[in-house]
Amino acid sequence: MRPSGPEWAEVRRRLDGHRHELAVAADRLYPGPPRAGSTRLLTSDGWIPATPLDLREVRLRWVEDAPAPAVTGREPEAAALLPEGAGAYPDALGTLARPRLFEDRTCYRLLEVAWPELAFTRARYFDGVSVGEAAAHEFAAHESAGYGGGQQPPFRALVGDPTDLRRRPALCAISMLTLRHDRRTGETSFVLHWRDPARVAHAGGLFQVMPVGVFQPAHESAGAEKADLDLWKCVVREYAEEFLGRGEEYGDGFDYESWPLYRLLTDAREDGRARSLVLGVGVDPLTFATDFLTATVLEAETFDAVFGEVAASNSEGRVVGRVPFDAETVRRYVRDEPMQAAGAAVLDLAWRHREALL
């Protein structure tokens, strides 16, 4: 029997209010896949390189006619989670609990990880919501009903192995740990973000590294889809939006080369004042969110010149000011705080590779 609208909304509130605890419980459903570092982020053989890769070494391959994912979120097992009249999870979310940022934009769907190459095809943002948020919602209802015991509810069982990129639309985000490093004093710090569940559809109520954003083109056009298949361009846009408060409107044919922020950060990367490294790929056990785990190290003078004093909030939530990058702080956010799995993983891996990063 399908839930009523109020029943559905109550489960959604439980999901948004208990994502950390639910993710810890969902982790126990997947004893097979390896984890990223000491965290609960699921990964797969070959997804975590032995040493960090320079972002410039990563090659992106486009697949025009990729097979459709096996599970789309429109199966009977998914429909059973929704109120009458909702064809897929985004329909219910948009009607009953719409977050401030909720737009069905073009995204890049990850097909294969074979470092240093990644393969992608096109997808829509709601493709990921239809599967990942639906499975998380189902799990929240499942746990609330007291089932537990390692039993997978029907839709989650249909998805199967979360690291099998053929089973579901694996839309990716770039989780970027930004390290401000002072060579004179040796002091290193980073910025954290608390994601507001009233503003975002995913990972509300959790801490995350900053910036983080879905890998997608800047504009809804065929030209942007091809031109923006570039991780660095996406990273710079996220810096503009999350650190500097810029909106997400860029326009068709946006010229990155003449954009001052892009030139500043790209020049810094080219002359060694900034380094961007890839630490791996992982999947959240609750929502199946798939993240590139990355870190950018900026010399202190460059960080201050580009970003100045980082704003206390942005369109997605509250910003936690510069936090020391040391063993105790990393341990606390990886193990004790309600941290998104990808954020915990990138912190854990960055600390393990701190000599290579710094």
Foldseek 3Di string as FASTA:
>chain_A
DADALVVLVVLVVLCQVCVLVLLVLLLLLPPDFDAQFPFSFGDHPPFFDPAWDFLVQAAEAEDEDDDAAQDQLQDPLNVSHHHPPDRFDVSSCCVRQPAQDDDFAKAWFWDDDDPSYTYTYIDTPVSLCRQQVSQLSVSSVCVVVPPRPSDRRDSVVQLPDLHNSRNGRAWEKAQEWEWAAAPVVRWIWTKKFAFDVNHDPPDHRAIGGPDMDTHGFLDRDPQRRVVSPGPLVVRLLRCCCQFVNDDSHQDPPRDLVPDVSSVLVVVCCVVVQKTKIWRGWGARSNRSHIYTQMYMYGYNVSCCVNRNFGDQAGSGGGMDGIGTLDDVVLCCRLPPGRHGRSRNSSSSRCVVNVVVND
